[in-house]
Protein backbone atom coordinates (compact mmCIF):
# COMPACT_ATOMS: atom_id res chain seq x y z
CA UNK A 1 112.78 73.99 94.20
CA UNK A 2 110.39 76.97 93.22
CA UNK A 3 111.56 78.13 90.29
CA UNK A 4 109.47 81.57 90.81
CA UNK A 5 107.90 81.22 87.95
CA UNK A 6 103.74 81.38 89.47
CA UNK A 7 101.90 83.67 86.66
CA UNK A 8 104.99 84.67 84.73
CA UNK A 9 104.08 84.46 81.36
CA UNK A 10 105.65 83.17 78.44
CA UNK A 11 105.20 82.72 74.60
CA UNK A 12 106.56 79.57 73.43
CA UNK A 13 107.37 79.35 69.26
CA UNK A 14 107.20 76.63 67.55
CA UNK A 15 105.43 74.48 70.32
CA UNK A 16 103.03 71.99 68.90
CA UNK A 17 105.34 69.49 69.30
CA UNK A 18 109.00 68.31 69.94
CA UNK A 19 111.13 70.28 71.88
CA UNK A 20 108.27 73.01 71.53
CA UNK A 21 105.89 71.78 73.14
CA UNK A 22 108.06 70.05 75.72
CA UNK A 23 108.71 73.15 77.10
CA UNK A 24 105.34 75.22 77.57
CA UNK A 25 104.07 71.81 79.10
CA UNK A 26 107.30 72.39 81.54
CA UNK A 27 106.69 76.09 82.00
CA UNK A 28 102.92 75.03 82.62
CA UNK A 29 103.63 72.78 85.28
CA UNK A 30 105.65 75.19 87.06
CA UNK A 31 102.52 77.48 87.05
CA UNK A 32 103.22 80.05 83.91
CA UNK A 33 100.90 81.07 81.54
CA UNK A 34 101.71 79.74 77.82
CA UNK A 35 100.87 81.62 74.60
CA UNK A 36 101.58 78.34 71.98
CA UNK A 37 101.84 78.20 68.04
CA UNK A 38 102.35 76.14 65.34
CA UNK A 39 101.47 76.59 61.48
CA UNK A 40 99.50 73.08 61.45
CA UNK A 41 95.57 74.12 62.68
CA UNK A 42 94.89 69.76 63.42
CA UNK A 43 97.95 69.38 65.43
CA UNK A 44 98.01 73.04 67.49
CA UNK A 45 94.52 71.86 67.93
CA UNK A 46 95.58 68.31 69.89
CA UNK A 47 98.90 70.28 71.67
CA UNK A 48 96.13 73.08 73.12
CA UNK A 49 93.50 70.08 74.06
CA UNK A 50 96.82 68.52 75.33
CA UNK A 51 97.53 71.47 77.11
CA UNK A 52 94.81 72.55 78.67
CA UNK A 53 93.84 68.98 80.22
CA UNK A 54 97.10 70.00 82.58
CA UNK A 55 96.49 73.49 83.42
CA UNK A 56 93.16 74.61 82.46
CA UNK A 57 92.52 78.40 81.36
CA UNK A 58 96.29 79.11 81.47
CA UNK A 59 97.10 78.44 78.06
CA UNK A 60 96.52 79.87 74.74
CA UNK A 61 97.57 80.38 71.28
CA UNK A 62 97.11 80.41 67.06
CA UNK A 63 98.31 79.10 64.18
CA UNK A 64 101.03 80.48 63.19
CA UNK A 65 104.12 80.67 60.79
CA UNK A 66 107.07 82.45 62.67
CA UNK A 67 108.93 82.70 58.95
CA UNK A 68 106.28 85.10 57.82
CA UNK A 69 106.92 88.25 58.98
CA UNK A 70 102.90 89.19 59.56
CA UNK A 71 101.64 86.42 61.07
CA UNK A 72 104.43 86.73 63.45
CA UNK A 73 103.67 89.95 64.36
CA UNK A 74 99.93 88.94 64.96
CA UNK A 75 101.30 85.88 66.88
CA UNK A 76 102.86 88.93 69.63
CA UNK A 77 100.38 91.11 69.23
CA UNK A 78 97.50 88.67 70.59
CA UNK A 79 100.11 87.09 73.13
CA UNK A 80 100.13 90.33 74.79
CA UNK A 81 96.57 91.50 73.71
CA UNK A 82 95.55 88.39 76.02
CA UNK A 83 98.36 87.75 78.83
CA UNK A 84 98.91 91.22 79.14
CA UNK A 85 102.83 91.46 78.32
CA UNK A 86 104.94 88.72 77.98
CA UNK A 87 108.08 87.66 80.14
CA UNK A 88 109.63 85.04 78.75
CA UNK A 89 110.20 84.52 75.01
CA UNK A 90 111.48 81.21 74.01
CA UNK A 91 111.94 80.77 70.29
CA UNK A 92 112.53 78.00 68.13
CA UNK A 93 111.36 76.38 64.73
CA UNK A 94 111.96 73.59 62.77
CA UNK A 95 114.75 72.81 61.06
CA UNK A 96 116.18 72.70 57.89
CA UNK A 97 116.62 70.05 55.59
CA UNK A 98 119.34 67.26 55.27
CA UNK A 99 122.19 67.14 53.03
CA UNK A 100 125.78 68.04 51.65
CA UNK A 101 126.63 71.75 50.68
CA UNK A 102 126.12 70.80 46.73
CA UNK A 103 122.55 69.82 47.07
CA UNK A 104 121.16 73.54 48.53
CA UNK A 105 120.33 75.90 46.32
CA UNK A 106 120.25 79.60 46.90
CA UNK A 107 116.55 79.45 48.12
CA UNK A 108 117.22 76.67 50.73
CA UNK A 109 119.91 78.94 52.46
CA UNK A 110 116.89 81.82 51.87
CA UNK A 111 114.44 79.76 53.51
CA UNK A 112 117.16 78.35 56.13
CA UNK A 113 117.61 81.90 57.18
CA UNK A 114 114.55 82.98 57.56
CA UNK A 115 113.61 79.89 59.83
CA UNK A 116 116.27 80.27 62.02
CA UNK A 117 117.16 83.64 62.78
CA UNK A 118 114.90 86.25 60.95
CA UNK A 119 111.83 84.13 63.12
CA UNK A 120 113.89 84.86 66.41
CA UNK A 121 115.09 87.99 65.37
CA UNK A 122 111.27 89.26 64.77
CA UNK A 123 109.91 87.57 68.04
CA UNK A 124 112.55 89.22 69.98
CA UNK A 125 111.71 92.47 68.59
CA UNK A 126 108.21 92.07 69.33
CA UNK A 127 108.71 91.41 73.45
CA UNK A 128 111.60 93.74 73.93
CA UNK A 129 110.20 97.12 74.59
CA UNK A 130 107.94 95.30 77.27
CA UNK A 131 110.60 93.74 79.08
CA UNK A 132 112.46 96.88 78.82
CA UNK A 133 109.45 98.98 80.48
CA UNK A 134 109.00 96.17 83.45
CA UNK A 135 112.80 95.46 84.04
CA UNK A 136 112.44 91.80 83.77
CA UNK A 137 112.82 89.13 80.96
CA UNK A 138 113.84 85.88 80.07
CA UNK A 139 114.99 85.77 76.04
CA UNK A 140 115.34 81.74 75.43
CA UNK A 141 116.64 80.82 72.60
CA UNK A 142 116.39 76.86 70.80
CA UNK A 143 119.44 75.79 68.83
CA UNK A 144 121.21 72.84 68.42
CA UNK A 145 124.43 70.90 69.58
CA UNK A 146 125.62 71.73 65.49
CA UNK A 147 126.04 75.10 66.80
CA UNK A 148 129.30 74.32 68.98
CA UNK A 149 130.18 70.65 66.82
CA UNK A 150 128.64 70.56 63.65
CA UNK A 151 127.00 67.27 62.90
CA UNK A 152 127.60 65.90 59.45
CA UNK A 153 125.22 66.15 56.38
CA UNK A 154 123.46 69.69 58.35
CA UNK A 155 125.35 72.28 56.85
CA UNK A 156 121.97 74.49 56.82
CA UNK A 157 121.58 73.95 60.44
CA UNK A 158 125.56 74.38 61.38
CA UNK A 159 125.49 77.46 59.70
CA UNK A 160 122.64 79.46 60.31
CA UNK A 161 121.85 78.40 63.60
CA UNK A 162 125.00 79.74 64.99
CA UNK A 163 124.53 83.14 64.15
CA UNK A 164 122.04 82.95 66.70
CA UNK A 165 125.29 82.83 69.12
CA UNK A 166 126.53 86.09 68.32
CA UNK A 167 122.86 87.19 68.73
CA UNK A 168 122.45 86.48 72.21
CA UNK A 169 125.92 86.84 73.39
CA UNK A 170 125.25 90.89 72.20
CA UNK A 171 121.74 90.80 73.48
CA UNK A 172 123.03 89.79 77.11
CA UNK A 173 125.34 92.85 76.87
CA UNK A 174 123.19 95.24 75.52
CA UNK A 175 120.06 94.02 77.56
CA UNK A 176 121.62 93.31 80.98
CA UNK A 177 121.01 96.57 82.24
CA UNK A 178 117.44 96.11 81.73
CA UNK A 179 117.06 93.20 83.68
CA UNK A 180 116.63 90.91 80.70
CA UNK A 181 118.84 87.40 80.36
CA UNK A 182 119.41 86.21 77.16
CA UNK A 183 120.33 82.49 77.04
CA UNK A 184 120.61 79.88 74.04
CA UNK A 185 120.24 76.08 74.68
CA UNK A 186 121.31 73.36 72.72
CA UNK A 187 119.69 70.06 72.20
CA UNK A 188 121.66 66.88 71.61
CA UNK A 189 119.76 63.94 69.65
CA UNK A 190 116.19 63.94 71.14
CA UNK A 191 113.92 62.32 70.86
CA UNK A 192 111.47 64.18 68.06
CA UNK A 193 110.14 63.21 64.98
CA UNK A 194 112.48 65.79 63.59
CA UNK A 195 115.12 63.02 64.76
CA UNK A 196 113.38 60.30 63.07
CA UNK A 197 113.12 62.10 60.05
CA UNK A 198 116.77 62.55 59.72
CA UNK A 199 117.33 58.60 61.08
CA UNK A 200 115.68 57.91 57.76
CA UNK A 201 117.55 60.59 55.90
CA UNK A 202 120.90 60.31 56.42
CA UNK A 203 122.77 57.44 56.51
CA UNK A 204 124.85 59.82 58.46
CA UNK A 205 122.99 59.63 61.63
CA UNK A 206 123.08 55.51 62.22
CA UNK A 207 124.26 54.53 65.23
CA UNK A 208 124.29 58.00 66.87
CA UNK A 209 123.88 56.32 70.54
CA UNK A 210 127.33 55.03 70.46
CA UNK A 211 128.68 58.65 69.24
CA UNK A 212 126.88 59.90 72.99
CA UNK A 213 128.69 58.92 76.29
CA UNK A 214 125.20 58.43 78.43
CA UNK A 215 124.68 56.04 75.27
CA UNK A 216 120.76 57.41 74.58
CA UNK A 217 118.90 59.56 72.80
CA UNK A 218 117.83 62.05 75.03
CA UNK A 219 113.98 62.64 75.88
CA UNK A 220 112.07 65.94 75.53
CA UNK A 221 111.20 66.70 79.06
CA UNK A 222 115.05 66.72 79.68
CA UNK A 223 115.72 69.47 77.87
CA UNK A 224 112.79 70.85 78.45
CA UNK A 225 113.87 71.10 82.32
CA UNK A 226 116.74 73.15 81.82
CA UNK A 227 115.47 75.43 79.85
CA UNK A 228 112.70 76.09 82.32
CA UNK A 229 115.23 76.61 84.66
CA UNK A 230 117.38 79.00 82.65
CA UNK A 231 113.32 81.33 82.59
CA UNK A 232 113.26 81.23 85.82
CA UNK A 233 113.76 83.43 88.61
CA UNK A 234 116.45 80.89 90.02
CA UNK A 235 118.78 81.69 87.02
CA UNK A 236 118.95 85.25 87.57
CA UNK A 237 122.61 85.60 87.63
CA UNK A 238 123.33 83.57 84.15
CA UNK A 239 122.95 85.55 80.88
CA UNK A 240 125.15 85.61 77.50
CA UNK A 241 125.81 81.79 78.16
CA UNK A 242 124.52 78.60 75.60
CA UNK A 243 124.13 75.33 77.30
CA UNK A 244 124.38 72.02 76.10
CA UNK A 245 122.00 69.31 76.92
CA UNK A 246 123.59 67.16 74.73
CA UNK A 247 123.84 63.50 77.18
CA UNK A 248 128.13 64.49 76.77
CA UNK A 249 127.95 64.53 73.29
CA UNK A 250 129.65 68.34 72.51
CA UNK A 251 133.67 67.77 72.85
CA UNK A 252 134.95 70.78 73.16
CA UNK A 253 136.33 71.85 76.43
CA UNK A 254 134.57 75.52 75.89
């Protein structure tokens, strides 16, 4: 299937490891030009080299902490200048620490807001005028299965990520007339460094494979395939949705 992504310009946040890296790789393999970012210089250099080996001359980016507005703005400016515009935005970030409600102080809640919601809002704001001018755009937020079915011991993520659903649904209504789709993709338990840390930090994640109907943890490329489809020309009539890639873990029928 031709997804119609050849030479589309994509900005993928937090894309030097984990799900973001998998998405950047999948978009490259479908013909996109991709701008990546991450906070750690060494990890950024490693990721960029690996992606360059797949698609020479079609990937670039910079070190950036998306929770810092000035760095985020510079990231968007550089990507637009180098690529000539942004067709596809994938918002993404790391996750807040696990723990029960009483363990987290005001600063933890503020940090979670900046990490999960403010970063996405800032990135969307930065690319929106260009997408409107060309009457085409794809905005994809990466959240978590926790926004539909809360995960034990992840109250920060359960709460703040859920606010992105309201953002996605509202933006889909506002931006549809401009030819821009806005969707959310919810990863389930997927084989990433973050999941490994959660497994080590909290007893709540013991035997998680037994809670998944497919009885296995997902692979990053399985999640990336869905994001890439949602960002494609083939998904032109899909907007305002939240799609789970979770092996059937979410029990809700809605």
